[in-house]
Structures are given as structure tokens and as C-alpha cells.
Amino acid sequence: MLDSCGSEGLVEVSGAVRDVERHMAAAVVRSSSAWGEGFQNILVKGALARAVVVSTDVGDARWIVGDPRFVVPPRDPDAIADALETALRLASAERDAVVGELRTRAQSEFSLEVMRERLSRMFLEVAQGALLSVHPGG
């Protein structure tokens, strides 16, 4: 099937594997074709692993991925196929630039420290709001 669509040499079909971490680290492109999702950790993990990330436009995908070439409408297999082909055919220098920008965004926006700080701030704001509603004026 891969031969018929010109993907020979671009895609590896490995079947079942036991050493998932090695295979994930070797991937140059990671994708999600979700129809509905909130925050897709797999996209951030792909960015941190220095892969080009392709996703359907659900949940926070657009914010995580950033590059509109790699965010496509959900339930559109032709669009995701085109985006995957674009990602796989990037010249080395362009791929490095895309991956570098994506990884920098993942580190600055979605690191454990950043997310912990955001959640702490949010919980504090909720708690302060709850206290103000129980004790107005104080």
C-alpha cells in the first residue's frame, strides 16, 4: 500500500514492538487524528522529542502546534494525509527550524514548572473568590 502512494522509505510499519521509547524517540513526525480532545499531551511529548507534530484542530492543538500547515480540520483524512506528507518532505534546515520553534514553545508554555505555576495561580484565584463570596467585603 505504501508503494502505491509514493511513501516507500518515508514510513516504517513496524507492527508490535516492546521497546516503545526507542521507536517514539526515532519518529521524525508524530500525529494525532483526534475528533475531539482537550489538551493533547502526545503533541507536547512529540515537540519535546524533536518531532514535527501534525494534528487535527481540536482542543488546544492549534496552540500547541503553532504552525498552521500542521493543524487540519478533524475528520478530514485527505487534509491530515497532506499535512503528514508536507512534514515528511521538509528539507532538513526547514525541519530543524520547525522543530526548534515547536520545542521552544513546548518548553516555555507547557513545562511541568509552568503548568504547576498556572494551576497554583488558578486554584488561588478560585479559593480567594470563594472566600470573598462567603465573607463579602473582607
N, C-alpha and C. Protein backbone atom coordinates (compact mmCIF):
# COMPACT_ATOMS: atom_id res chain seq x y z
N MET A 1 0.82 -1.19 0.00
CA MET A 1 0.00 0.00 0.00
C MET A 1 0.87 1.26 0.00
N LEU A 2 1.94 1.27 0.80
CA LEU A 2 2.79 2.44 0.85
C LEU A 2 3.45 2.70 -0.50
N ASP A 3 3.81 1.62 -1.20
CA ASP A 3 4.42 1.77 -2.51
C ASP A 3 3.50 2.50 -3.47
N SER A 4 2.22 2.20 -3.42
CA SER A 4 1.27 2.77 -4.37
C SER A 4 1.04 4.26 -4.15
N CYS A 5 1.33 4.77 -2.96
CA CYS A 5 1.11 6.20 -2.73
C CYS A 5 2.42 6.97 -2.62
N GLY A 6 3.53 6.34 -2.99
CA GLY A 6 4.81 7.04 -3.01
C GLY A 6 5.43 7.27 -1.65
N SER A 7 5.08 6.48 -0.66
CA SER A 7 5.60 6.68 0.69
C SER A 7 6.71 5.71 1.06
N GLU A 8 7.14 4.89 0.12
CA GLU A 8 8.20 3.94 0.41
C GLU A 8 9.44 4.70 0.89
N GLY A 9 10.00 4.26 1.97
CA GLY A 9 11.18 4.92 2.53
C GLY A 9 10.85 6.06 3.46
N LEU A 10 9.62 6.55 3.45
CA LEU A 10 9.22 7.65 4.33
C LEU A 10 8.53 7.15 5.59
N VAL A 11 7.91 5.98 5.49
CA VAL A 11 7.10 5.46 6.60
C VAL A 11 7.59 4.06 6.94
N GLU A 12 7.72 3.81 8.23
CA GLU A 12 8.07 2.46 8.69
C GLU A 12 6.87 1.86 9.39
N VAL A 13 6.47 0.69 8.94
CA VAL A 13 5.39 -0.04 9.60
C VAL A 13 6.07 -1.16 10.37
N SER A 14 6.09 -1.03 11.69
CA SER A 14 6.89 -1.95 12.49
C SER A 14 6.07 -3.04 13.17
N GLY A 15 4.76 -2.91 13.21
CA GLY A 15 3.96 -3.90 13.93
C GLY A 15 4.14 -3.73 15.43
N ALA A 16 3.89 -4.78 16.18
CA ALA A 16 4.01 -4.72 17.64
C ALA A 16 5.48 -4.57 18.04
N VAL A 17 5.74 -3.71 19.00
CA VAL A 17 7.10 -3.50 19.49
C VAL A 17 7.10 -3.53 21.02
N ARG A 18 8.21 -3.93 21.57
CA ARG A 18 8.36 -3.94 23.03
C ARG A 18 9.11 -2.71 23.52
N ASP A 19 9.98 -2.17 22.71
CA ASP A 19 10.79 -1.01 23.11
C ASP A 19 10.17 0.27 22.56
N VAL A 20 9.02 0.62 23.09
CA VAL A 20 8.23 1.76 22.61
C VAL A 20 9.04 3.06 22.69
N GLU A 21 9.77 3.27 23.77
CA GLU A 21 10.51 4.52 23.94
C GLU A 21 11.49 4.74 22.79
N ARG A 22 12.20 3.70 22.37
CA ARG A 22 13.16 3.84 21.27
C ARG A 22 12.45 4.21 19.98
N HIS A 23 11.32 3.58 19.71
CA HIS A 23 10.58 3.89 18.49
C HIS A 23 10.02 5.31 18.53
N MET A 24 9.49 5.71 19.67
CA MET A 24 8.94 7.07 19.79
C MET A 24 10.05 8.11 19.60
N ALA A 25 11.21 7.84 20.16
CA ALA A 25 12.33 8.79 20.04
C ALA A 25 12.83 8.88 18.60
N ALA A 26 12.68 7.83 17.84
CA ALA A 26 13.16 7.82 16.46
C ALA A 26 12.19 8.48 15.48
N ALA A 27 10.97 8.73 15.90
CA ALA A 27 9.97 9.30 15.00
C ALA A 27 10.31 10.74 14.64
N VAL A 28 10.29 11.06 13.36
CA VAL A 28 10.53 12.43 12.92
C VAL A 28 9.23 13.22 12.82
N VAL A 29 8.11 12.50 12.79
CA VAL A 29 6.79 13.13 12.78
C VAL A 29 5.91 12.36 13.75
N ARG A 30 5.14 13.11 14.53
CA ARG A 30 4.12 12.50 15.39
C ARG A 30 2.80 13.15 15.04
N SER A 31 1.73 12.37 15.13
CA SER A 31 0.44 12.94 14.73
C SER A 31 -0.68 12.48 15.64
N SER A 32 -1.73 13.27 15.62
CA SER A 32 -2.97 12.92 16.31
C SER A 32 -4.11 13.25 15.36
N SER A 33 -4.98 12.27 15.16
CA SER A 33 -6.15 12.50 14.29
C SER A 33 -7.43 12.49 15.11
N ALA A 34 -7.34 13.01 16.33
CA ALA A 34 -8.48 13.00 17.25
C ALA A 34 -9.65 13.79 16.67
N TRP A 35 -10.87 13.36 17.00
CA TRP A 35 -12.09 14.07 16.60
C TRP A 35 -12.49 15.07 17.66
N GLY A 36 -12.10 14.80 18.88
CA GLY A 36 -12.42 15.67 19.99
C GLY A 36 -11.45 15.39 21.11
N GLU A 37 -10.87 16.41 21.66
CA GLU A 37 -9.83 16.23 22.67
C GLU A 37 -9.65 17.56 23.37
N GLY A 38 -9.22 17.52 24.60
CA GLY A 38 -8.91 18.76 25.32
C GLY A 38 -7.46 19.16 25.06
N PHE A 39 -6.61 18.82 25.98
CA PHE A 39 -5.18 19.09 25.86
C PHE A 39 -4.49 17.78 25.50
N GLN A 40 -3.84 17.75 24.35
CA GLN A 40 -3.23 16.52 23.86
C GLN A 40 -1.77 16.43 24.28
N ASN A 41 -1.52 15.70 25.33
CA ASN A 41 -0.15 15.53 25.82
C ASN A 41 0.78 14.96 24.75
N ILE A 42 0.26 14.10 23.89
CA ILE A 42 1.09 13.48 22.85
C ILE A 42 1.73 14.53 21.95
N LEU A 43 1.06 15.65 21.73
CA LEU A 43 1.62 16.70 20.88
C LEU A 43 2.81 17.36 21.57
N VAL A 44 2.67 17.63 22.86
CA VAL A 44 3.77 18.24 23.61
C VAL A 44 4.94 17.26 23.70
N LYS A 45 4.64 16.00 23.94
CA LYS A 45 5.69 14.99 24.01
C LYS A 45 6.43 14.89 22.67
N GLY A 46 5.68 14.98 21.58
CA GLY A 46 6.32 14.96 20.26
C GLY A 46 7.23 16.16 20.07
N ALA A 47 6.77 17.33 20.49
CA ALA A 47 7.58 18.54 20.37
C ALA A 47 8.86 18.42 21.18
N LEU A 48 8.74 17.92 22.39
CA LEU A 48 9.92 17.78 23.26
C LEU A 48 10.87 16.71 22.74
N ALA A 49 10.36 15.76 21.97
CA ALA A 49 11.19 14.71 21.39
C ALA A 49 11.78 15.13 20.04
N ARG A 50 11.58 16.40 19.68
CA ARG A 50 12.12 16.96 18.43
C ARG A 50 11.50 16.34 17.18
N ALA A 51 10.19 16.15 17.22
CA ALA A 51 9.46 15.66 16.05
C ALA A 51 8.59 16.79 15.51
N VAL A 52 8.33 16.77 14.23
CA VAL A 52 7.32 17.65 13.66
C VAL A 52 5.98 17.07 14.11
N VAL A 53 5.07 17.92 14.54
CA VAL A 53 3.79 17.46 15.08
C VAL A 53 2.66 17.88 14.15
N VAL A 54 1.84 16.91 13.78
CA VAL A 54 0.68 17.13 12.91
C VAL A 54 -0.56 16.73 13.70
N SER A 55 -1.59 17.57 13.66
CA SER A 55 -2.79 17.26 14.44
C SER A 55 -4.04 17.82 13.79
N THR A 56 -5.15 17.20 14.16
CA THR A 56 -6.44 17.79 13.83
C THR A 56 -6.68 18.96 14.78
N ASP A 57 -7.48 19.90 14.33
CA ASP A 57 -7.73 21.14 15.06
C ASP A 57 -8.81 20.93 16.12
N VAL A 58 -8.44 20.25 17.19
CA VAL A 58 -9.34 20.01 18.30
C VAL A 58 -8.64 20.41 19.59
N GLY A 59 -9.43 20.84 20.57
CA GLY A 59 -8.86 21.22 21.85
C GLY A 59 -7.80 22.29 21.70
N ASP A 60 -6.68 22.08 22.34
CA ASP A 60 -5.57 23.04 22.33
C ASP A 60 -4.54 22.78 21.24
N ALA A 61 -4.87 21.95 20.26
CA ALA A 61 -3.89 21.57 19.23
C ALA A 61 -3.28 22.78 18.52
N ARG A 62 -4.10 23.74 18.15
CA ARG A 62 -3.59 24.90 17.42
C ARG A 62 -2.58 25.67 18.27
N TRP A 63 -2.86 25.81 19.55
CA TRP A 63 -1.96 26.50 20.48
C TRP A 63 -0.65 25.71 20.64
N ILE A 64 -0.76 24.39 20.76
CA ILE A 64 0.43 23.57 20.96
C ILE A 64 1.29 23.53 19.71
N VAL A 65 0.69 23.24 18.57
CA VAL A 65 1.43 23.04 17.32
C VAL A 65 1.93 24.35 16.73
N GLY A 66 1.08 25.36 16.71
CA GLY A 66 1.50 26.67 16.23
C GLY A 66 1.47 26.82 14.72
N ASP A 67 2.19 26.01 14.00
CA ASP A 67 2.32 26.15 12.55
C ASP A 67 1.04 25.68 11.86
N PRO A 68 0.31 26.57 11.17
CA PRO A 68 -0.98 26.19 10.58
C PRO A 68 -0.88 25.12 9.49
N ARG A 69 0.30 24.90 8.93
CA ARG A 69 0.45 23.83 7.93
C ARG A 69 0.21 22.46 8.53
N PHE A 70 0.36 22.37 9.86
CA PHE A 70 0.32 21.06 10.51
C PHE A 70 -0.88 20.90 11.44
N VAL A 71 -1.87 21.78 11.30
CA VAL A 71 -3.13 21.67 12.05
C VAL A 71 -4.25 21.65 11.02
N VAL A 72 -5.01 20.57 11.01
CA VAL A 72 -6.01 20.37 9.95
C VAL A 72 -7.38 20.11 10.56
N PRO A 73 -8.45 20.27 9.77
CA PRO A 73 -9.79 20.01 10.30
C PRO A 73 -9.95 18.55 10.73
N PRO A 74 -10.70 18.32 11.80
CA PRO A 74 -10.97 16.93 12.20
C PRO A 74 -11.83 16.22 11.16
N ARG A 75 -11.72 14.92 11.14
CA ARG A 75 -12.50 14.06 10.24
C ARG A 75 -12.25 14.35 8.76
N ASP A 76 -11.02 14.79 8.46
CA ASP A 76 -10.66 15.08 7.07
C ASP A 76 -9.36 14.31 6.75
N PRO A 77 -9.49 13.04 6.37
CA PRO A 77 -8.29 12.22 6.15
C PRO A 77 -7.38 12.76 5.06
N ASP A 78 -7.94 13.40 4.04
CA ASP A 78 -7.10 13.95 2.98
C ASP A 78 -6.24 15.09 3.53
N ALA A 79 -6.82 15.92 4.38
CA ALA A 79 -6.08 17.04 4.95
C ALA A 79 -4.95 16.55 5.85
N ILE A 80 -5.22 15.56 6.68
CA ILE A 80 -4.15 15.07 7.55
C ILE A 80 -3.08 14.35 6.74
N ALA A 81 -3.49 13.64 5.69
CA ALA A 81 -2.51 12.98 4.81
C ALA A 81 -1.62 14.02 4.14
N ASP A 82 -2.20 15.12 3.67
CA ASP A 82 -1.42 16.19 3.04
C ASP A 82 -0.44 16.82 4.03
N ALA A 83 -0.92 17.06 5.27
CA ALA A 83 -0.06 17.67 6.29
C ALA A 83 1.07 16.72 6.67
N LEU A 84 0.77 15.44 6.77
CA LEU A 84 1.82 14.46 7.07
C LEU A 84 2.86 14.41 5.95
N GLU A 85 2.38 14.44 4.72
CA GLU A 85 3.32 14.45 3.59
C GLU A 85 4.18 15.70 3.60
N THR A 86 3.57 16.85 3.88
CA THR A 86 4.34 18.09 3.98
C THR A 86 5.42 17.97 5.05
N ALA A 87 5.04 17.43 6.20
CA ALA A 87 6.00 17.28 7.30
C ALA A 87 7.13 16.33 6.92
N LEU A 88 6.79 15.23 6.27
CA LEU A 88 7.80 14.24 5.92
C LEU A 88 8.74 14.73 4.82
N ARG A 89 8.29 15.66 4.02
CA ARG A 89 9.10 16.13 2.90
C ARG A 89 9.84 17.46 3.18
N LEU A 90 9.79 17.92 4.42
CA LEU A 90 10.51 19.16 4.75
C LEU A 90 12.01 18.98 4.51
N ALA A 91 12.62 19.99 3.94
CA ALA A 91 14.07 19.99 3.82
C ALA A 91 14.66 20.03 5.23
N SER A 92 15.84 19.51 5.37
CA SER A 92 16.47 19.37 6.68
C SER A 92 16.51 20.69 7.46
N ALA A 93 16.93 21.77 6.82
CA ALA A 93 17.04 23.07 7.50
C ALA A 93 15.66 23.57 7.94
N GLU A 94 14.65 23.39 7.09
CA GLU A 94 13.30 23.83 7.45
C GLU A 94 12.74 22.96 8.57
N ARG A 95 12.99 21.67 8.50
CA ARG A 95 12.54 20.77 9.56
C ARG A 95 13.17 21.18 10.89
N ASP A 96 14.46 21.45 10.88
CA ASP A 96 15.15 21.88 12.11
C ASP A 96 14.54 23.15 12.67
N ALA A 97 14.19 24.10 11.79
CA ALA A 97 13.58 25.36 12.24
C ALA A 97 12.19 25.10 12.83
N VAL A 98 11.38 24.29 12.16
CA VAL A 98 10.03 23.97 12.65
C VAL A 98 10.12 23.28 14.01
N VAL A 99 10.98 22.29 14.10
CA VAL A 99 11.13 21.52 15.33
C VAL A 99 11.69 22.40 16.45
N GLY A 100 12.64 23.26 16.12
CA GLY A 100 13.21 24.15 17.14
C GLY A 100 12.17 25.09 17.71
N GLU A 101 11.36 25.69 16.85
CA GLU A 101 10.30 26.60 17.31
C GLU A 101 9.26 25.85 18.15
N LEU A 102 8.88 24.68 17.68
CA LEU A 102 7.88 23.88 18.39
C LEU A 102 8.40 23.45 19.76
N ARG A 103 9.65 23.03 19.81
CA ARG A 103 10.24 22.57 21.09
C ARG A 103 10.37 23.74 22.07
N THR A 104 10.79 24.89 21.57
CA THR A 104 10.91 26.07 22.43
C THR A 104 9.56 26.44 23.01
N ARG A 105 8.51 26.42 22.19
CA ARG A 105 7.16 26.72 22.68
C ARG A 105 6.73 25.70 23.72
N ALA A 106 7.00 24.43 23.47
CA ALA A 106 6.62 23.38 24.43
C ALA A 106 7.32 23.59 25.76
N GLN A 107 8.59 23.94 25.72
CA GLN A 107 9.34 24.15 26.96
C GLN A 107 8.87 25.39 27.71
N SER A 108 8.57 26.46 26.97
CA SER A 108 8.20 27.71 27.64
C SER A 108 6.74 27.77 28.05
N GLU A 109 5.87 27.08 27.33
CA GLU A 109 4.44 27.14 27.61
C GLU A 109 3.90 25.96 28.40
N PHE A 110 4.52 24.78 28.26
CA PHE A 110 3.90 23.57 28.78
C PHE A 110 4.80 22.73 29.69
N SER A 111 5.89 23.31 30.16
CA SER A 111 6.75 22.54 31.06
C SER A 111 6.01 22.28 32.37
N LEU A 112 6.48 21.32 33.12
CA LEU A 112 5.85 20.99 34.39
C LEU A 112 5.84 22.21 35.32
N GLU A 113 6.93 22.96 35.34
CA GLU A 113 7.01 24.13 36.20
C GLU A 113 6.00 25.20 35.81
N VAL A 114 5.87 25.46 34.51
CA VAL A 114 4.93 26.46 34.02
C VAL A 114 3.50 26.03 34.32
N MET A 115 3.18 24.77 34.05
CA MET A 115 1.82 24.29 34.29
C MET A 115 1.50 24.28 35.79
N ARG A 116 2.49 23.92 36.61
CA ARG A 116 2.27 23.94 38.06
C ARG A 116 1.97 25.36 38.53
N GLU A 117 2.72 26.33 38.03
CA GLU A 117 2.50 27.74 38.41
C GLU A 117 1.12 28.22 37.96
N ARG A 118 0.74 27.89 36.74
CA ARG A 118 -0.59 28.29 36.25
C ARG A 118 -1.71 27.69 37.09
N LEU A 119 -1.59 26.41 37.38
CA LEU A 119 -2.63 25.75 38.19
C LEU A 119 -2.67 26.31 39.61
N SER A 120 -1.51 26.57 40.19
CA SER A 120 -1.46 27.14 41.54
C SER A 120 -2.14 28.50 41.56
N ARG A 121 -1.84 29.32 40.56
CA ARG A 121 -2.45 30.64 40.46
C ARG A 121 -3.97 30.53 40.29
N MET A 122 -4.39 29.60 39.43
CA MET A 122 -5.81 29.42 39.20
C MET A 122 -6.52 28.96 40.47
N PHE A 123 -5.96 27.98 41.17
CA PHE A 123 -6.58 27.49 42.40
C PHE A 123 -6.63 28.59 43.46
N LEU A 124 -5.59 29.41 43.54
CA LEU A 124 -5.57 30.51 44.49
C LEU A 124 -6.67 31.53 44.16
N GLU A 125 -6.81 31.84 42.86
CA GLU A 125 -7.87 32.77 42.44
C GLU A 125 -9.25 32.22 42.76
N VAL A 126 -9.46 30.93 42.53
CA VAL A 126 -10.75 30.30 42.83
C VAL A 126 -10.99 30.34 44.34
N ALA A 127 -9.98 29.98 45.10
CA ALA A 127 -10.13 29.98 46.56
C ALA A 127 -10.40 31.38 47.09
N GLN A 128 -9.70 32.39 46.56
CA GLN A 128 -9.93 33.76 47.02
C GLN A 128 -11.33 34.22 46.63
N GLY A 129 -11.80 33.85 45.46
CA GLY A 129 -13.15 34.19 45.03
C GLY A 129 -14.19 33.53 45.92
N ALA A 130 -13.94 32.29 46.31
CA ALA A 130 -14.87 31.58 47.19
C ALA A 130 -14.90 32.24 48.55
N LEU A 131 -13.74 32.65 49.05
CA LEU A 131 -13.69 33.32 50.35
C LEU A 131 -14.40 34.66 50.30
N LEU A 132 -14.22 35.39 49.21
CA LEU A 132 -14.89 36.69 49.11
C LEU A 132 -16.40 36.53 49.05
N SER A 133 -16.89 35.46 48.41
CA SER A 133 -18.33 35.28 48.34
C SER A 133 -18.92 34.85 49.70
N VAL A 134 -18.11 34.19 50.50
CA VAL A 134 -18.57 33.76 51.83
C VAL A 134 -18.46 34.92 52.81
N HIS A 135 -17.41 35.73 52.66
CA HIS A 135 -17.16 36.87 53.54
C HIS A 135 -17.04 38.15 52.71
N PRO A 136 -18.16 38.66 52.19
CA PRO A 136 -18.10 39.87 51.36
C PRO A 136 -17.47 41.02 52.12
N GLY A 137 -16.65 41.76 51.38
CA GLY A 137 -16.01 42.93 51.98
C GLY A 137 -14.75 42.59 52.75
N GLY A 138 -14.32 41.36 52.69
CA GLY A 138 -13.18 41.12 53.50
C GLY A 138 -12.32 40.06 53.11
